[in-house]
PDB file of N, CA and C in Angstrom:
ATOM      1  N   MET A   1     -41.357  20.387  66.318  1.00  0.00           N
ATOM      2  CA  MET A   1     -41.522  19.401  65.284  1.00  0.00           C
ATOM      3  C   MET A   1     -40.578  19.687  64.122  1.00  0.00           C
ATOM      4  N   ALA A   2     -40.377  20.957  63.790  1.00  0.00           N
ATOM      5  CA  ALA A   2     -39.481  21.317  62.691  1.00  0.00           C
ATOM      6  C   ALA A   2     -38.058  20.877  63.017  1.00  0.00           C
ATOM      7  N   TRP A   3     -37.652  21.050  64.271  1.00  0.00           N
ATOM      8  CA  TRP A   3     -36.313  20.628  64.678  1.00  0.00           C
ATOM      9  C   TRP A   3     -36.155  19.127  64.489  1.00  0.00           C
ATOM     10  N   LEU A   4     -37.163  18.367  64.855  1.00  0.00           N
ATOM     11  CA  LEU A   4     -37.111  16.913  64.741  1.00  0.00           C
ATOM     12  C   LEU A   4     -37.041  16.482  63.277  1.00  0.00           C
ATOM     13  N   GLN A   5     -37.803  17.132  62.410  1.00  0.00           N
ATOM     14  CA  GLN A   5     -37.763  16.814  60.983  1.00  0.00           C
ATOM     15  C   GLN A   5     -36.400  17.133  60.386  1.00  0.00           C
ATOM     16  N   GLN A   6     -35.793  18.199  60.859  1.00  0.00           N
ATOM     17  CA  GLN A   6     -34.465  18.581  60.385  1.00  0.00           C
ATOM     18  C   GLN A   6     -33.421  17.592  60.905  1.00  0.00           C
ATOM     19  N   GLU A   7     -33.601  17.128  62.108  1.00  0.00           N
ATOM     20  CA  GLU A   7     -32.638  16.241  62.760  1.00  0.00           C
ATOM     21  C   GLU A   7     -32.666  14.820  62.193  1.00  0.00           C
ATOM     22  N   LEU A   8     -33.841  14.338  61.829  1.00  0.00           N
ATOM     23  CA  LEU A   8     -33.990  12.959  61.362  1.00  0.00           C
ATOM     24  C   LEU A   8     -34.119  12.899  59.846  1.00  0.00           C
ATOM     25  N   LYS A   9     -33.381  12.011  59.254  1.00  0.00           N
ATOM     26  CA  LYS A   9     -33.455  11.782  57.809  1.00  0.00           C
ATOM     27  C   LYS A   9     -34.247  10.498  57.574  1.00  0.00           C
ATOM     28  N   PRO A  10     -34.952  10.391  56.436  1.00  0.00           N
ATOM     29  CA  PRO A  10     -35.823   9.231  56.190  1.00  0.00           C
ATOM     30  C   PRO A  10     -35.138   7.866  56.303  1.00  0.00           C
ATOM     31  N   LYS A  11     -33.889   7.751  55.874  1.00  0.00           N
ATOM     32  CA  LYS A  11     -33.226   6.447  55.880  1.00  0.00           C
ATOM     33  C   LYS A  11     -32.381   6.205  57.130  1.00  0.00           C
ATOM     34  N   GLN A  12     -32.427   7.126  58.073  1.00  0.00           N
ATOM     35  CA  GLN A  12     -31.636   6.986  59.292  1.00  0.00           C
ATOM     36  C   GLN A  12     -32.189   5.883  60.182  1.00  0.00           C
ATOM     37  N   THR A  13     -31.283   5.124  60.780  1.00  0.00           N
ATOM     38  CA  THR A  13     -31.697   4.077  61.702  1.00  0.00           C
ATOM     39  C   THR A  13     -31.944   4.685  63.076  1.00  0.00           C
ATOM     40  N   ILE A  14     -33.078   4.337  63.656  1.00  0.00           N
ATOM     41  CA  ILE A  14     -33.428   4.810  64.996  1.00  0.00           C
ATOM     42  C   ILE A  14     -33.545   3.589  65.897  1.00  0.00           C
ATOM     43  N   TRP A  15     -32.894   3.649  67.044  1.00  0.00           N
ATOM     44  CA  TRP A  15     -32.927   2.550  68.007  1.00  0.00           C
ATOM     45  C   TRP A  15     -33.731   2.971  69.226  1.00  0.00           C
ATOM     46  N   PHE A  16     -34.558   2.081  69.693  1.00  0.00           N
ATOM     47  CA  PHE A  16     -35.334   2.307  70.909  1.00  0.00           C
ATOM     48  C   PHE A  16     -34.842   1.320  71.956  1.00  0.00           C
ATOM     49  N   GLN A  17     -34.262   1.841  73.028  1.00  0.00           N
ATOM     50  CA  GLN A  17     -33.799   0.986  74.119  1.00  0.00           C
ATOM     51  C   GLN A  17     -34.865   1.026  75.209  1.00  0.00           C
ATOM     52  N   LEU A  18     -35.520  -0.083  75.398  1.00  0.00           N
ATOM     53  CA  LEU A  18     -36.624  -0.166  76.350  1.00  0.00           C
ATOM     54  C   LEU A  18     -36.113  -0.028  77.781  1.00  0.00           C
ATOM     55  N   LEU A  19     -36.687   0.920  78.509  1.00  0.00           N
ATOM     56  CA  LEU A  19     -36.348   1.106  79.918  1.00  0.00           C
ATOM     57  C   LEU A  19     -37.421   0.519  80.815  1.00  0.00           C
ATOM     58  N   GLY A  20     -38.654   0.607  80.377  1.00  0.00           N
ATOM     59  CA  GLY A  20     -39.759   0.099  81.176  1.00  0.00           C
ATOM     60  C   GLY A  20     -41.055   0.172  80.404  1.00  0.00           C
ATOM     61  N   ARG A  21     -42.065  -0.384  81.026  1.00  0.00           N
ATOM     62  CA  ARG A  21     -43.372  -0.441  80.381  1.00  0.00           C
ATOM     63  C   ARG A  21     -44.448  -0.253  81.442  1.00  0.00           C
ATOM     64  N   GLU A  22     -45.427   0.574  81.115  1.00  0.00           N
ATOM     65  CA  GLU A  22     -46.546   0.793  82.026  1.00  0.00           C
ATOM     66  C   GLU A  22     -47.814   0.848  81.184  1.00  0.00           C
ATOM     67  N   ASP A  23     -48.693  -0.104  81.384  1.00  0.00           N
ATOM     68  CA  ASP A  23     -49.911  -0.240  80.585  1.00  0.00           C
ATOM     69  C   ASP A  23     -49.550  -0.276  79.099  1.00  0.00           C
ATOM     70  N   LEU A  24     -50.025   0.695  78.339  1.00  0.00           N
ATOM     71  CA  LEU A  24     -49.752   0.720  76.902  1.00  0.00           C
ATOM     72  C   LEU A  24     -48.582   1.634  76.535  1.00  0.00           C
ATOM     73  N   ALA A  25     -47.939   2.222  77.541  1.00  0.00           N
ATOM     74  CA  ALA A  25     -46.833   3.149  77.285  1.00  0.00           C
ATOM     75  C   ALA A  25     -45.488   2.451  77.474  1.00  0.00           C
ATOM     76  N   LEU A  26     -44.576   2.724  76.558  1.00  0.00           N
ATOM     77  CA  LEU A  26     -43.209   2.221  76.661  1.00  0.00           C
ATOM     78  C   LEU A  26     -42.295   3.396  76.968  1.00  0.00           C
ATOM     79  N   GLU A  27     -41.392   3.207  77.909  1.00  0.00           N
ATOM     80  CA  GLU A  27     -40.403   4.234  78.213  1.00  0.00           C
ATOM     81  C   GLU A  27     -39.096   3.788  77.599  1.00  0.00           C
ATOM     82  N   CYS A  28     -38.575   4.620  76.703  1.00  0.00           N
ATOM     83  CA  CYS A  28     -37.398   4.221  75.927  1.00  0.00           C
ATOM     84  C   CYS A  28     -36.376   5.347  75.855  1.00  0.00           C
ATOM     85  N   LEU A  29     -35.137   4.940  75.659  1.00  0.00           N
ATOM     86  CA  LEU A  29     -34.113   5.853  75.189  1.00  0.00           C
ATOM     87  C   LEU A  29     -34.183   5.772  73.676  1.00  0.00           C
ATOM     88  N   VAL A  30     -34.164   6.901  73.026  1.00  0.00           N
ATOM     89  CA  VAL A  30     -34.228   6.917  71.567  1.00  0.00           C
ATOM     90  C   VAL A  30     -32.857   7.348  71.059  1.00  0.00           C
ATOM     91  N   LEU A  31     -32.226   6.450  70.321  1.00  0.00           N
ATOM     92  CA  LEU A  31     -30.884   6.705  69.802  1.00  0.00           C
ATOM     93  C   LEU A  31     -30.938   6.781  68.281  1.00  0.00           C
ATOM     94  N   VAL A  32     -30.227   7.764  67.720  1.00  0.00           N
ATOM     95  CA  VAL A  32     -30.209   7.978  66.277  1.00  0.00           C
ATOM     96  C   VAL A  32     -28.779   7.803  65.786  1.00  0.00           C
ATOM     97  N   ASN A  33     -28.604   6.979  64.759  1.00  0.00           N
ATOM     98  CA  ASN A  33     -27.280   6.804  64.152  1.00  0.00           C
ATOM     99  C   ASN A  33     -26.902   8.063  63.396  1.00  0.00           C
ATOM    100  N   LYS A  34     -25.709   8.577  63.668  1.00  0.00           N
ATOM    101  CA  LYS A  34     -25.196   9.766  62.983  1.00  0.00           C
ATOM    102  C   LYS A  34     -23.936   9.429  62.195  1.00  0.00           C
ATOM    103  N   GLY A  35     -23.793   8.207  61.857  1.00  0.00           N
ATOM    104  CA  GLY A  35     -22.607   7.753  61.143  1.00  0.00           C
ATOM    105  C   GLY A  35     -22.278   6.344  61.600  1.00  0.00           C
ATOM    106  N   ARG A  36     -21.180   5.841  61.125  1.00  0.00           N
ATOM    107  CA  ARG A  36     -20.822   4.460  61.413  1.00  0.00           C
ATOM    108  C   ARG A  36     -20.597   4.210  62.905  1.00  0.00           C
ATOM    109  N   PHE A  37     -19.915   5.126  63.576  1.00  0.00           N
ATOM    110  CA  PHE A  37     -19.549   4.904  64.978  1.00  0.00           C
ATOM    111  C   PHE A  37     -20.174   5.906  65.943  1.00  0.00           C
ATOM    112  N   LEU A  38     -21.091   6.712  65.464  1.00  0.00           N
ATOM    113  CA  LEU A  38     -21.657   7.766  66.306  1.00  0.00           C
ATOM    114  C   LEU A  38     -23.170   7.641  66.378  1.00  0.00           C
ATOM    115  N   SER A  39     -23.678   7.639  67.585  1.00  0.00           N
ATOM    116  CA  SER A  39     -25.131   7.702  67.761  1.00  0.00           C
ATOM    117  C   SER A  39     -25.427   8.770  68.808  1.00  0.00           C
ATOM    118  N   VAL A  40     -26.566   9.408  68.656  1.00  0.00           N
ATOM    119  CA  VAL A  40     -26.964  10.512  69.524  1.00  0.00           C
ATOM    120  C   VAL A  40     -28.234  10.115  70.262  1.00  0.00           C
ATOM    121  N   CYS A  41     -28.278  10.432  71.543  1.00  0.00           N
ATOM    122  CA  CYS A  41     -29.474  10.175  72.345  1.00  0.00           C
ATOM    123  C   CYS A  41     -30.472  11.302  72.068  1.00  0.00           C
ATOM    124  N   LEU A  42     -31.551  10.977  71.396  1.00  0.00           N
ATOM    125  CA  LEU A  42     -32.549  11.973  71.023  1.00  0.00           C
ATOM    126  C   LEU A  42     -33.233  12.568  72.257  1.00  0.00           C
ATOM    127  N   ASN A  43     -33.380  11.772  73.309  1.00  0.00           N
ATOM    128  CA  ASN A  43     -33.966  12.276  74.554  1.00  0.00           C
ATOM    129  C   ASN A  43     -33.146  13.467  75.069  1.00  0.00           C
ATOM    130  N   GLU A  44     -31.824  13.293  75.052  1.00  0.00           N
ATOM    131  CA  GLU A  44     -30.921  14.339  75.518  1.00  0.00           C
ATOM    132  C   GLU A  44     -30.980  15.564  74.611  1.00  0.00           C
ATOM    133  N   GLU A  45     -30.986  15.332  73.309  1.00  0.00           N
ATOM    134  CA  GLU A  45     -31.010  16.433  72.349  1.00  0.00           C
ATOM    135  C   GLU A  45     -32.284  17.266  72.472  1.00  0.00           C
ATOM    136  N   ILE A  46     -33.395  16.610  72.697  1.00  0.00           N
ATOM    137  CA  ILE A  46     -34.669  17.326  72.870  1.00  0.00           C
ATOM    138  C   ILE A  46     -34.584  18.253  74.074  1.00  0.00           C
ATOM    139  N   LEU A  47     -33.993  17.762  75.159  1.00  0.00           N
ATOM    140  CA  LEU A  47     -33.830  18.593  76.354  1.00  0.00           C
ATOM    141  C   LEU A  47     -32.822  19.710  76.111  1.00  0.00           C
ATOM    142  N   ARG A  48     -31.747  19.412  75.400  1.00  0.00           N
ATOM    143  CA  ARG A  48     -30.704  20.398  75.123  1.00  0.00           C
ATOM    144  C   ARG A  48     -31.236  21.542  74.257  1.00  0.00           C
ATOM    145  N   GLN A  49     -32.226  21.261  73.421  1.00  0.00           N
ATOM    146  CA  GLN A  49     -32.840  22.289  72.574  1.00  0.00           C
ATOM    147  C   GLN A  49     -33.931  23.065  73.314  1.00  0.00           C
ATOM    148  N   GLY A  50     -34.234  22.649  74.543  1.00  0.00           N
ATOM    149  CA  GLY A  50     -35.278  23.325  75.312  1.00  0.00           C
ATOM    150  C   GLY A  50     -36.673  22.945  74.861  1.00  0.00           C
ATOM    151  N   LEU A  51     -36.819  21.761  74.273  1.00  0.00           N
ATOM    152  CA  LEU A  51     -38.117  21.329  73.756  1.00  0.00           C
ATOM    153  C   LEU A  51     -38.853  20.416  74.725  1.00  0.00           C
ATOM    154  N   GLY A  52     -38.325  20.252  75.918  1.00  0.00           N
ATOM    155  CA  GLY A  52     -38.976  19.396  76.909  1.00  0.00           C
ATOM    156  C   GLY A  52     -38.346  19.584  78.274  1.00  0.00           C
ATOM    157  N   ARG A  53     -38.883  18.858  79.237  1.00  0.00           N
ATOM    158  CA  ARG A  53     -38.367  18.900  80.607  1.00  0.00           C
ATOM    159  C   ARG A  53     -38.067  17.483  81.074  1.00  0.00           C
ATOM    160  N   THR A  54     -37.126  17.379  81.990  1.00  0.00           N
ATOM    161  CA  THR A  54     -36.757  16.082  82.546  1.00  0.00           C
ATOM    162  C   THR A  54     -37.858  15.591  83.476  1.00  0.00           C
ATOM    163  N   ALA A  55     -38.163  14.323  83.367  1.00  0.00           N
ATOM    164  CA  ALA A  55     -39.159  13.701  84.245  1.00  0.00           C
ATOM    165  C   ALA A  55     -38.541  12.449  84.858  1.00  0.00           C
ATOM    166  N   ARG A  56     -39.174  11.943  85.886  1.00  0.00           N
ATOM    167  CA  ARG A  56     -38.701  10.698  86.496  1.00  0.00           C
ATOM    168  C   ARG A  56     -38.771   9.575  85.474  1.00  0.00           C
ATOM    169  N   ILE A  57     -37.819   8.695  85.535  1.00  0.00           N
ATOM    170  CA  ILE A  57     -37.794   7.546  84.632  1.00  0.00           C
ATOM    171  C   ILE A  57     -38.451   6.396  85.376  1.00  0.00           C
ATOM    172  N   GLU A  58     -39.717   6.208  85.129  1.00  0.00           N
ATOM    173  CA  GLU A  58     -40.494   5.219  85.872  1.00  0.00           C
ATOM    174  C   GLU A  58     -40.089   3.782  85.556  1.00  0.00           C
ATOM    175  N   GLY A  59     -39.493   3.565  84.394  1.00  0.00           N
ATOM    176  CA  GLY A  59     -39.156   2.211  83.989  1.00  0.00           C
ATOM    177  C   GLY A  59     -37.936   1.624  84.668  1.00  0.00           C
ATOM    178  N   LEU A  60     -37.163   2.452  85.350  1.00  0.00           N
ATOM    179  CA  LEU A  60     -35.958   1.973  86.030  1.00  0.00           C
ATOM    180  C   LEU A  60     -36.128   2.084  87.537  1.00  0.00           C
ATOM    181  N   HIS A  61     -35.446   1.214  88.256  1.00  0.00           N
ATOM    182  CA  HIS A  61     -35.461   1.301  89.721  1.00  0.00           C
ATOM    183  C   HIS A  61     -34.697   2.554  90.140  1.00  0.00           C
ATOM    184  N   HIS A  62     -35.288   3.309  91.049  1.00  0.00           N
ATOM    185  CA  HIS A  62     -34.714   4.599  91.431  1.00  0.00           C
ATOM    186  C   HIS A  62     -33.437   4.472  92.248  1.00  0.00           C
ATOM    187  N   ASP A  63     -33.151   3.290  92.741  1.00  0.00           N
ATOM    188  CA  ASP A  63     -31.913   3.108  93.494  1.00  0.00           C
ATOM    189  C   ASP A  63     -30.805   2.486  92.644  1.00  0.00           C
ATOM    190  N   SER A  64     -31.057   2.314  91.349  1.00  0.00           N
ATOM    191  CA  SER A  64     -30.045   1.708  90.476  1.00  0.00           C
ATOM    192  C   SER A  64     -29.047   2.757  89.979  1.00  0.00           C
ATOM    193  N   ARG A  65     -27.862   2.304  89.697  1.00  0.00           N
ATOM    194  CA  ARG A  65     -26.799   3.171  89.203  1.00  0.00           C
ATOM    195  C   ARG A  65     -27.159   3.726  87.820  1.00  0.00           C
ATOM    196  N   LEU A  66     -27.749   2.881  86.982  1.00  0.00           N
ATOM    197  CA  LEU A  66     -28.152   3.297  85.637  1.00  0.00           C
ATOM    198  C   LEU A  66     -29.166   4.439  85.686  1.00  0.00           C
ATOM    199  N   TYR A  67     -30.132   4.348  86.605  1.00  0.00           N
ATOM    200  CA  TYR A  67     -31.152   5.391  86.738  1.00  0.00           C
ATOM    201  C   TYR A  67     -30.488   6.739  86.991  1.00  0.00           C
ATOM    202  N   TRP A  68     -29.594   6.798  87.975  1.00  0.00           N
ATOM    203  CA  TRP A  68     -28.990   8.073  88.348  1.00  0.00           C
ATOM    204  C   TRP A  68     -28.028   8.583  87.286  1.00  0.00           C
ATOM    205  N   LYS A  69     -27.337   7.675  86.609  1.00  0.00           N
ATOM    206  CA  LYS A  69     -26.434   8.076  85.529  1.00  0.00           C
ATOM    207  C   LYS A  69     -27.233   8.721  84.393  1.00  0.00           C
ATOM    208  N   LEU A  70     -28.307   8.077  83.996  1.00  0.00           N
ATOM    209  CA  LEU A  70     -29.148   8.591  82.918  1.00  0.00           C
ATOM    210  C   LEU A  70     -29.866   9.875  83.335  1.00  0.00           C
ATOM    211  N   HIS A  71     -30.412   9.886  84.535  1.00  0.00           N
ATOM    212  CA  HIS A  71     -31.141  11.062  85.022  1.00  0.00           C
ATOM    213  C   HIS A  71     -30.212  12.281  85.084  1.00  0.00           C
ATOM    214  N   LYS A  72     -28.979  12.061  85.517  1.00  0.00           N
ATOM    215  CA  LYS A  72     -28.009  13.151  85.598  1.00  0.00           C
ATOM    216  C   LYS A  72     -27.692  13.699  84.201  1.00  0.00           C
ATOM    217  N   ARG A  73     -27.538  12.809  83.217  1.00  0.00           N
ATOM    218  CA  ARG A  73     -27.289  13.247  81.833  1.00  0.00           C
ATOM    219  C   ARG A  73     -28.440  14.093  81.307  1.00  0.00           C
ATOM    220  N   LEU A  74     -29.664  13.655  81.578  1.00  0.00           N
ATOM    221  CA  LEU A  74     -30.840  14.387  81.097  1.00  0.00           C
ATOM    222  C   LEU A  74     -30.969  15.739  81.792  1.00  0.00           C
ATOM    223  N   LEU A  75     -30.690  15.769  83.092  1.00  0.00           N
ATOM    224  CA  LEU A  75     -30.748  17.041  83.824  1.00  0.00           C
ATOM    225  C   LEU A  75     -29.688  18.018  83.320  1.00  0.00           C
ATOM    226  N   ARG A  76     -28.503  17.514  83.013  1.00  0.00           N
ATOM    227  CA  ARG A  76     -27.449  18.381  82.463  1.00  0.00           C
ATOM    228  C   ARG A  76     -27.876  18.986  81.131  1.00  0.00           C
ATOM    229  N   ALA A  77     -28.494  18.166  80.286  1.00  0.00           N
ATOM    230  CA  ALA A  77     -28.961  18.658  78.986  1.00  0.00           C
ATOM    231  C   ALA A  77     -30.016  19.747  79.174  1.00  0.00           C
ATOM    232  N   GLU A  78     -30.926  19.533  80.119  1.00  0.00           N
ATOM    233  CA  GLU A  78     -31.961  20.536  80.399  1.00  0.00           C
ATOM    234  C   GLU A  78     -31.330  21.818  80.933  1.00  0.00           C
ATOM    235  N   LEU A  79     -30.326  21.680  81.788  1.00  0.00           N
ATOM    236  CA  LEU A  79     -29.650  22.841  82.363  1.00  0.00           C
ATOM    237  C   LEU A  79     -28.947  23.666  81.282  1.00  0.00           C
ATOM    238  N   LYS A  80     -28.374  23.000  80.278  1.00  0.00           N
ATOM    239  CA  LYS A  80     -27.736  23.728  79.169  1.00  0.00           C
ATOM    240  C   LYS A  80     -28.755  24.592  78.437  1.00  0.00           C
ATOM    241  N   ALA A  81     -29.932  24.040  78.188  1.00  0.00           N
ATOM    242  CA  ALA A  81     -30.985  24.811  77.512  1.00  0.00           C
ATOM    243  C   ALA A  81     -31.425  25.983  78.378  1.00  0.00           C
ATOM    244  N   LEU A  82     -31.527  25.749  79.671  1.00  0.00           N
ATOM    245  CA  LEU A  82     -31.929  26.805  80.604  1.00  0.00           C
ATOM    246  C   LEU A  82     -30.905  27.939  80.604  1.00  0.00           C
ATOM    247  N   LYS A  83     -29.620  27.590  80.680  1.00  0.00           N
ATOM    248  CA  LYS A  83     -28.563  28.607  80.701  1.00  0.00           C
ATOM    249  C   LYS A  83     -28.498  29.396  79.401  1.00  0.00           C
ATOM    250  N   LYS A  84     -28.801  28.733  78.276  1.00  0.00           N
ATOM    251  CA  LYS A  84     -28.756  29.398  76.971  1.00  0.00           C
ATOM    252  C   LYS A  84     -30.105  29.989  76.566  1.00  0.00           C
ATOM    253  N   SER A  85     -31.087  29.891  77.451  1.00  0.00           N
ATOM    254  CA  SER A  85     -32.441  30.413  77.191  1.00  0.00           C
ATOM    255  C   SER A  85     -33.011  29.879  75.881  1.00  0.00           C
ATOM    256  N   LYS A  86     -32.949  28.572  75.711  1.00  0.00           N
ATOM    257  CA  LYS A  86     -33.457  27.945  74.489  1.00  0.00           C
ATOM    258  C   LYS A  86     -34.849  27.382  74.711  1.00  0.00           C
ATOM    259  N   GLY A  87     -35.626  27.361  73.632  1.00  0.00           N
ATOM    260  CA  GLY A  87     -36.935  26.705  73.661  1.00  0.00           C
ATOM    261  C   GLY A  87     -37.856  27.252  74.736  1.00  0.00           C
ATOM    262  N   ILE A  88     -38.356  26.358  75.580  1.00  0.00           N
ATOM    263  CA  ILE A  88     -39.306  26.762  76.620  1.00  0.00           C
ATOM    264  C   ILE A  88     -38.660  27.650  77.674  1.00  0.00           C
ATOM    265  N   TRP A  89     -37.347  27.725  77.684  1.00  0.00           N
ATOM    266  CA  TRP A  89     -36.632  28.532  78.675  1.00  0.00           C
ATOM    267  C   TRP A  89     -36.337  29.936  78.161  1.00  0.00           C
ATOM    268  N   ARG A  90     -36.731  30.225  76.925  1.00  0.00           N
ATOM    269  CA  ARG A  90     -36.473  31.542  76.338  1.00  0.00           C
ATOM    270  C   ARG A  90     -37.369  32.586  76.996  1.00  0.00           C
ATOM    271  N   GLU A  91     -36.749  33.672  77.409  1.00  0.00           N
ATOM    272  CA  GLU A  91     -37.518  34.764  78.005  1.00  0.00           C
ATOM    273  C   GLU A  91     -37.951  35.727  76.909  1.00  0.00           C
ATOM    274  N   GLU A  92     -39.127  36.287  77.085  1.00  0.00           N
ATOM    275  CA  GLU A  92     -39.633  37.251  76.109  1.00  0.00           C
ATOM    276  C   GLU A  92     -38.812  38.527  76.162  1.00  0.00           C
ATOM    277  N   SER A  93     -38.671  39.164  75.011  1.00  0.00           N
ATOM    278  CA  SER A  93     -37.985  40.451  74.961  1.00  0.00           C
ATOM    279  C   SER A  93     -38.913  41.520  75.551  1.00  0.00           C
ATOM    280  N   TYR A  94     -38.361  42.686  75.776  1.00  0.00           N
ATOM    281  CA  TYR A  94     -39.140  43.786  76.345  1.00  0.00           C
ATOM    282  C   TYR A  94     -40.318  44.134  75.442  1.00  0.00           C
ATOM    283  N   SER A  95     -40.075  44.208  74.132  1.00  0.00           N
ATOM    284  CA  SER A  95     -41.156  44.573  73.202  1.00  0.00           C
ATOM    285  C   SER A  95     -42.243  43.492  73.167  1.00  0.00           C
ATOM    286  N   GLU A  96     -41.855  42.211  73.285  1.00  0.00           N
ATOM    287  CA  GLU A  96     -42.853  41.133  73.316  1.00  0.00           C
ATOM    288  C   GLU A  96     -43.711  41.217  74.577  1.00  0.00           C
ATOM    289  N   ARG A  97     -43.083  41.548  75.703  1.00  0.00           N
ATOM    290  CA  ARG A  97     -43.844  41.686  76.958  1.00  0.00           C
ATOM    291  C   ARG A  97     -44.830  42.847  76.874  1.00  0.00           C
ATOM    292  N   ILE A  98     -44.390  43.976  76.301  1.00  0.00           N
ATOM    293  CA  ILE A  98     -45.270  45.147  76.150  1.00  0.00           C
ATOM    294  C   ILE A  98     -46.435  44.802  75.225  1.00  0.00           C
ATOM    295  N   ARG A  99     -46.143  44.148  74.088  1.00  0.00           N
ATOM    296  CA  ARG A  99     -47.193  43.764  73.139  1.00  0.00           C
ATOM    297  C   ARG A  99     -48.222  42.861  73.815  1.00  0.00           C
ATOM    298  N   ASP A 100     -47.763  41.890  74.600  1.00  0.00           N
ATOM    299  CA  ASP A 100     -48.686  40.988  75.296  1.00  0.00           C
ATOM    300  C   ASP A 100     -49.539  41.735  76.316  1.00  0.00           C
ATOM    301  N   ARG A 101     -48.927  42.662  77.030  1.00  0.00           N
ATOM    302  CA  ARG A 101     -49.689  43.427  78.026  1.00  0.00           C
ATOM    303  C   ARG A 101     -50.761  44.280  77.364  1.00  0.00           C
ATOM    304  N   ILE A 102     -50.420  44.870  76.226  1.00  0.00           N
ATOM    305  CA  ILE A 102     -51.396  45.698  75.512  1.00  0.00           C
ATOM    306  C   ILE A 102     -52.529  44.837  74.976  1.00  0.00           C
ATOM    307  N   SER A 103     -52.190  43.703  74.370  1.00  0.00           N
ATOM    308  CA  SER A 103     -53.244  42.862  73.785  1.00  0.00           C
ATOM    309  C   SER A 103     -54.118  42.210  74.858  1.00  0.00           C
ATOM    310  N   ASN A 104     -53.601  42.041  76.069  1.00  0.00           N
ATOM    311  CA  ASN A 104     -54.386  41.433  77.148  1.00  0.00           C
ATOM    312  C   ASN A 104     -55.080  42.464  78.036  1.00  0.00           C
ATOM    313  N   ASN A 105     -54.901  43.749  77.740  1.00  0.00           N
ATOM    314  CA  ASN A 105     -55.490  44.801  78.552  1.00  0.00           C
ATOM    315  C   ASN A 105     -57.008  44.834  78.341  1.00  0.00           C
ATOM    316  N   LYS A 106     -57.761  44.680  79.422  1.00  0.00           N
ATOM    317  CA  LYS A 106     -59.236  44.618  79.349  1.00  0.00           C
ATOM    318  C   LYS A 106     -59.833  45.920  78.807  1.00  0.00           C
ATOM    319  N   PHE A 107     -59.296  47.056  79.245  1.00  0.00           N
ATOM    320  CA  PHE A 107     -59.821  48.336  78.794  1.00  0.00           C
ATOM    321  C   PHE A 107     -59.676  48.472  77.277  1.00  0.00           C
ATOM    322  N   LEU A 108     -58.490  48.130  76.758  1.00  0.00           N
ATOM    323  CA  LEU A 108     -58.270  48.237  75.315  1.00  0.00           C
ATOM    324  C   LEU A 108     -59.127  47.241  74.541  1.00  0.00           C
ATOM    325  N   GLN A 109     -59.345  46.056  75.097  1.00  0.00           N
ATOM    326  CA  GLN A 109     -60.213  45.074  74.438  1.00  0.00           C
ATOM    327  C   GLN A 109     -61.646  45.597  74.353  1.00  0.00           C
ATOM    328  N   THR A 110     -62.126  46.198  75.446  1.00  0.00           N
ATOM    329  CA  THR A 110     -63.478  46.756  75.470  1.00  0.00           C
ATOM    330  C   THR A 110     -63.590  47.924  74.489  1.00  0.00           C
ATOM    331  N   LEU A 111     -62.563  48.774  74.452  1.00  0.00           N
ATOM    332  CA  LEU A 111     -62.545  49.904  73.535  1.00  0.00           C
ATOM    333  C   LEU A 111     -62.579  49.425  72.076  1.00  0.00           C
ATOM    334  N   LYS A 112     -61.839  48.372  71.782  1.00  0.00           N
ATOM    335  CA  LYS A 112     -61.818  47.804  70.432  1.00  0.00           C
ATOM    336  C   LYS A 112     -63.192  47.238  70.062  1.00  0.00           C
ATOM    337  N   GLN A 113     -63.843  46.549  71.002  1.00  0.00           N
ATOM    338  CA  GLN A 113     -65.186  46.009  70.753  1.00  0.00           C
ATOM    339  C   GLN A 113     -66.173  47.144  70.495  1.00  0.00           C
ATOM    340  N   PHE A 114     -66.049  48.224  71.263  1.00  0.00           N
ATOM    341  CA  PHE A 114     -66.927  49.373  71.099  1.00  0.00           C
ATOM    342  C   PHE A 114     -66.723  50.002  69.716  1.00  0.00           C
ATOM    343  N   ALA A 115     -65.465  50.138  69.300  1.00  0.00           N
ATOM    344  CA  ALA A 115     -65.170  50.715  67.984  1.00  0.00           C
ATOM    345  C   ALA A 115     -65.738  49.828  66.876  1.00  0.00           C
ATOM    346  N   ASN A 116     -65.614  48.521  67.022  1.00  0.00           N
ATOM    347  CA  ASN A 116     -66.181  47.590  66.032  1.00  0.00           C
ATOM    348  C   ASN A 116     -67.701  47.694  66.001  1.00  0.00           C
ATOM    349  N   TRP A 117     -68.313  47.858  67.160  1.00  0.00           N
ATOM    350  CA  TRP A 117     -69.763  47.998  67.242  1.00  0.00           C
ATOM    351  C   TRP A 117     -70.211  49.280  66.541  1.00  0.00           C
ATOM    352  N   LEU A 118     -69.450  50.372  66.783  1.00  0.00           N
ATOM    353  CA  LEU A 118     -69.771  51.648  66.139  1.00  0.00           C
ATOM    354  C   LEU A 118     -69.684  51.539  64.617  1.00  0.00           C
ATOM    355  N   ARG A 119     -68.627  50.889  64.121  1.00  0.00           N
ATOM    356  CA  ARG A 119     -68.468  50.711  62.673  1.00  0.00           C
ATOM    357  C   ARG A 119     -69.619  49.912  62.092  1.00  0.00           C
ATOM    358  N   GLY A 120     -70.067  48.909  62.811  1.00  0.00           N
ATOM    359  CA  GLY A 120     -71.157  48.061  62.336  1.00  0.00           C
ATOM    360  C   GLY A 120     -72.504  48.756  62.354  1.00  0.00           C
ATOM    361  N   SER A 121     -72.683  49.717  63.241  1.00  0.00           N
ATOM    362  CA  SER A 121     -73.983  50.381  63.346  1.00  0.00           C
ATOM    363  C   SER A 121     -74.094  51.601  62.434  1.00  0.00           C
ATOM    364  N   ILE A 122     -73.020  52.026  61.839  1.00  0.00           N
ATOM    365  CA  ILE A 122     -73.051  53.205  60.946  1.00  0.00           C
ATOM    366  C   ILE A 122     -73.367  52.794  59.534  1.00  0.00           C
TER     367      ILE A 122
END
């Protein structure tokens, strides 16, 4: 959410290109003006930052040229995030993995509860 707030300015024009509709949901390409002649596909940027994953575009026919062109662009953006270990693709460091293992260790959790119980009974 912080990335999105940083990326979008209050007076910026945002365009929604409708791809399809299913019940109450609209499937859109979201384009943001970045100047007079430049617009950025927010869908792609979200994937490039590792803040989401590519899904099937239900609003377009799967045998259409547009579907595959767009799907390929989105997959490329996701692959860039994966290669750069961004967002959801970021791997934990060694110290983060050790910290998680210690905090999830059942024996240590039980020992901590016992110590808290002892403090409360004294």
